[in-house]
Amino acid sequence: MEIDQVIMTSNYSKDKYVRIPVPLKRQSKKYGLINLVTQHKRFIAWYKLKLGLSDYALLWLCFFKGVLIGLIIEKLIAN
């Protein structure tokens, strides 16, 4: 199954994430925001597969990345 055909959705009965294969269509420039969201979901799925991370681990990675960037910006502004 290719990453382009996977969208992560929540299964409310089991409270787990499941993969549902959905063919993604090319969208026109008229729907730029929808296309951006679709590309973002595909990038997140690709990143998770590449690093072998769970949803929880990916959230922690993003949290620490934000803290690091915040500290760098603080150092640049404070000096």
N, C-alpha and C. Protein backbone atom coordinates (compact mmCIF):
# COMPACT_ATOMS: atom_id res chain seq x y z
N MET A 1 0.84 -1.17 0.00
CA MET A 1 0.00 0.00 0.00
C MET A 1 0.89 1.24 0.00
N GLU A 2 0.65 2.12 -0.94
CA GLU A 2 1.47 3.32 -1.04
C GLU A 2 0.99 4.38 -0.06
N ILE A 3 1.90 5.25 0.30
CA ILE A 3 1.57 6.33 1.24
C ILE A 3 0.55 7.27 0.62
N ASP A 4 0.58 7.44 -0.70
CA ASP A 4 -0.35 8.34 -1.36
C ASP A 4 -1.79 7.88 -1.19
N GLN A 5 -2.00 6.61 -0.92
CA GLN A 5 -3.35 6.07 -0.84
C GLN A 5 -3.80 5.84 0.59
N VAL A 6 -3.11 6.40 1.57
CA VAL A 6 -3.45 6.16 2.97
C VAL A 6 -3.84 7.47 3.63
N ILE A 7 -4.97 7.46 4.29
CA ILE A 7 -5.38 8.59 5.11
C ILE A 7 -5.69 8.03 6.48
N MET A 8 -5.14 8.65 7.51
CA MET A 8 -5.36 8.16 8.87
C MET A 8 -6.68 8.71 9.39
N THR A 9 -7.52 7.82 9.89
CA THR A 9 -8.78 8.23 10.49
C THR A 9 -8.94 7.50 11.81
N SER A 10 -9.81 8.00 12.64
CA SER A 10 -10.03 7.41 13.95
C SER A 10 -11.18 6.42 13.88
N ASN A 11 -11.00 5.27 14.50
CA ASN A 11 -12.05 4.28 14.62
C ASN A 11 -12.64 4.46 16.01
N TYR A 12 -13.84 5.02 16.10
CA TYR A 12 -14.39 5.39 17.40
C TYR A 12 -14.78 4.19 18.25
N SER A 13 -15.05 3.05 17.64
CA SER A 13 -15.46 1.90 18.43
C SER A 13 -14.28 1.28 19.20
N LYS A 14 -13.09 1.33 18.66
CA LYS A 14 -11.93 0.73 19.31
C LYS A 14 -10.95 1.77 19.86
N ASP A 15 -11.16 3.04 19.57
CA ASP A 15 -10.26 4.12 19.99
C ASP A 15 -8.83 3.89 19.53
N LYS A 16 -8.66 3.34 18.34
CA LYS A 16 -7.36 3.16 17.74
C LYS A 16 -7.38 3.77 16.35
N TYR A 17 -6.23 4.08 15.84
CA TYR A 17 -6.14 4.59 14.49
C TYR A 17 -6.03 3.43 13.51
N VAL A 18 -6.77 3.50 12.45
CA VAL A 18 -6.74 2.47 11.42
C VAL A 18 -6.40 3.12 10.09
N ARG A 19 -5.90 2.32 9.17
CA ARG A 19 -5.57 2.82 7.84
C ARG A 19 -6.69 2.45 6.89
N ILE A 20 -7.19 3.43 6.19
CA ILE A 20 -8.23 3.21 5.20
C ILE A 20 -7.68 3.64 3.86
N PRO A 21 -7.53 2.71 2.91
CA PRO A 21 -7.00 3.11 1.60
C PRO A 21 -8.01 3.95 0.84
N VAL A 22 -7.58 5.13 0.44
CA VAL A 22 -8.43 6.05 -0.31
C VAL A 22 -7.61 6.61 -1.45
N PRO A 23 -8.05 6.43 -2.69
CA PRO A 23 -7.29 7.04 -3.78
C PRO A 23 -7.43 8.56 -3.74
N LEU A 24 -6.30 9.24 -3.75
CA LEU A 24 -6.31 10.69 -3.71
C LEU A 24 -6.33 11.25 -5.13
N LYS A 25 -7.20 12.21 -5.37
CA LYS A 25 -7.31 12.82 -6.68
C LYS A 25 -6.48 14.09 -6.72
N ARG A 26 -6.00 14.42 -7.88
CA ARG A 26 -5.32 15.70 -8.06
C ARG A 26 -6.35 16.81 -7.98
N GLN A 27 -6.06 17.81 -7.21
CA GLN A 27 -7.02 18.90 -7.04
C GLN A 27 -6.52 20.12 -7.78
N SER A 28 -7.45 20.90 -8.25
CA SER A 28 -7.08 22.10 -8.98
C SER A 28 -6.59 23.16 -8.01
N LYS A 29 -5.98 24.21 -8.55
CA LYS A 29 -5.44 25.28 -7.71
C LYS A 29 -6.56 26.04 -7.01
N LYS A 30 -7.79 25.86 -7.47
CA LYS A 30 -8.93 26.53 -6.88
C LYS A 30 -9.12 26.07 -5.43
N TYR A 31 -8.75 24.84 -5.14
CA TYR A 31 -8.90 24.29 -3.81
C TYR A 31 -7.54 24.21 -3.12
N GLY A 32 -6.85 25.31 -3.02
CA GLY A 32 -5.49 25.34 -2.49
C GLY A 32 -5.39 24.89 -1.05
N LEU A 33 -6.34 25.30 -0.20
CA LEU A 33 -6.28 24.93 1.21
C LEU A 33 -6.51 23.44 1.39
N ILE A 34 -7.44 22.87 0.64
CA ILE A 34 -7.70 21.44 0.71
C ILE A 34 -6.47 20.67 0.26
N ASN A 35 -5.85 21.15 -0.80
CA ASN A 35 -4.64 20.50 -1.31
C ASN A 35 -3.51 20.58 -0.28
N LEU A 36 -3.38 21.69 0.40
CA LEU A 36 -2.36 21.85 1.42
C LEU A 36 -2.58 20.87 2.57
N VAL A 37 -3.81 20.71 3.00
CA VAL A 37 -4.12 19.78 4.08
C VAL A 37 -3.83 18.34 3.65
N THR A 38 -4.19 17.99 2.43
CA THR A 38 -3.93 16.66 1.91
C THR A 38 -2.43 16.39 1.84
N GLN A 39 -1.67 17.36 1.35
CA GLN A 39 -0.22 17.19 1.28
C GLN A 39 0.38 17.05 2.67
N HIS A 40 -0.15 17.79 3.64
CA HIS A 40 0.35 17.72 5.00
C HIS A 40 0.08 16.34 5.60
N LYS A 41 -1.10 15.78 5.38
CA LYS A 41 -1.42 14.45 5.88
C LYS A 41 -0.51 13.40 5.24
N ARG A 42 -0.25 13.53 3.95
CA ARG A 42 0.64 12.59 3.26
C ARG A 42 2.06 12.70 3.81
N PHE A 43 2.53 13.92 4.08
CA PHE A 43 3.87 14.11 4.61
C PHE A 43 3.99 13.51 6.01
N ILE A 44 2.99 13.70 6.85
CA ILE A 44 3.01 13.13 8.21
C ILE A 44 3.04 11.61 8.14
N ALA A 45 2.21 11.01 7.27
CA ALA A 45 2.21 9.55 7.12
C ALA A 45 3.56 9.05 6.62
N TRP A 46 4.16 9.76 5.67
CA TRP A 46 5.48 9.37 5.15
C TRP A 46 6.54 9.47 6.24
N TYR A 47 6.50 10.54 7.01
CA TYR A 47 7.48 10.76 8.08
C TYR A 47 7.37 9.68 9.14
N LYS A 48 6.13 9.31 9.50
CA LYS A 48 5.92 8.25 10.49
C LYS A 48 6.48 6.93 9.99
N LEU A 49 6.23 6.60 8.74
CA LEU A 49 6.73 5.35 8.19
C LEU A 49 8.25 5.34 8.09
N LYS A 50 8.83 6.48 7.70
CA LYS A 50 10.28 6.56 7.54
C LYS A 50 11.00 6.37 8.87
N LEU A 51 10.49 7.00 9.92
CA LEU A 51 11.14 6.91 11.23
C LEU A 51 10.62 5.76 12.07
N GLY A 52 9.51 5.15 11.66
CA GLY A 52 8.94 4.06 12.44
C GLY A 52 8.38 4.51 13.77
N LEU A 53 7.73 5.66 13.79
CA LEU A 53 7.20 6.23 15.03
C LEU A 53 5.70 6.00 15.15
N SER A 54 5.24 5.91 16.40
CA SER A 54 3.80 5.87 16.65
C SER A 54 3.27 7.30 16.69
N ASP A 55 1.97 7.45 16.79
CA ASP A 55 1.38 8.79 16.88
C ASP A 55 1.89 9.52 18.12
N TYR A 56 1.95 8.80 19.24
CA TYR A 56 2.39 9.39 20.49
C TYR A 56 3.84 9.86 20.42
N ALA A 57 4.71 9.03 19.85
CA ALA A 57 6.12 9.40 19.72
C ALA A 57 6.29 10.60 18.79
N LEU A 58 5.48 10.65 17.74
CA LEU A 58 5.55 11.78 16.82
C LEU A 58 5.12 13.08 17.51
N LEU A 59 4.12 13.00 18.38
CA LEU A 59 3.70 14.18 19.14
C LEU A 59 4.81 14.69 20.05
N TRP A 60 5.51 13.78 20.73
CA TRP A 60 6.62 14.19 21.58
C TRP A 60 7.76 14.79 20.76
N LEU A 61 8.03 14.21 19.60
CA LEU A 61 9.08 14.74 18.74
C LEU A 61 8.74 16.17 18.32
N CYS A 62 7.50 16.41 17.94
CA CYS A 62 7.07 17.77 17.55
C CYS A 62 7.13 18.73 18.73
N PHE A 63 6.78 18.25 19.92
CA PHE A 63 6.83 19.10 21.11
C PHE A 63 8.26 19.57 21.38
N PHE A 64 9.21 18.64 21.38
CA PHE A 64 10.60 19.00 21.65
C PHE A 64 11.20 19.85 20.53
N LYS A 65 10.76 19.63 19.31
CA LYS A 65 11.20 20.47 18.21
C LYS A 65 10.74 21.91 18.43
N GLY A 66 9.49 22.07 18.87
CA GLY A 66 8.97 23.41 19.16
C GLY A 66 9.70 24.09 20.30
N VAL A 67 10.02 23.32 21.35
CA VAL A 67 10.78 23.87 22.47
C VAL A 67 12.16 24.32 22.01
N LEU A 68 12.82 23.50 21.20
CA LEU A 68 14.16 23.84 20.69
C LEU A 68 14.11 25.11 19.83
N ILE A 69 13.16 25.19 18.94
CA ILE A 69 13.04 26.38 18.09
C ILE A 69 12.72 27.61 18.94
N GLY A 70 11.86 27.44 19.95
CA GLY A 70 11.55 28.55 20.85
C GLY A 70 12.78 29.06 21.61
N LEU A 71 13.61 28.13 22.07
CA LEU A 71 14.84 28.52 22.78
C LEU A 71 15.82 29.23 21.85
N ILE A 72 15.92 28.76 20.62
CA ILE A 72 16.81 29.41 19.65
C ILE A 72 16.33 30.83 19.36
N ILE A 73 15.04 31.01 19.16
CA ILE A 73 14.49 32.35 18.89
C ILE A 73 14.69 33.25 20.10
N GLU A 74 14.50 32.70 21.30
CA GLU A 74 14.71 33.50 22.51
C GLU A 74 16.16 33.96 22.60
N LYS A 75 17.11 33.08 22.31
CA LYS A 75 18.53 33.46 22.36
C LYS A 75 18.84 34.56 21.33
N LEU A 76 18.25 34.45 20.14
CA LEU A 76 18.51 35.45 19.12
C LEU A 76 17.92 36.81 19.49
N ILE A 77 16.75 36.82 20.09
CA ILE A 77 16.10 38.09 20.44
C ILE A 77 16.72 38.69 21.69
N ALA A 78 17.05 37.85 22.67
CA ALA A 78 17.60 38.35 23.95
C ALA A 78 18.98 38.97 23.78
N ASN A 79 19.76 38.52 22.82
CA ASN A 79 21.12 39.05 22.65
C ASN A 79 21.16 40.16 21.70
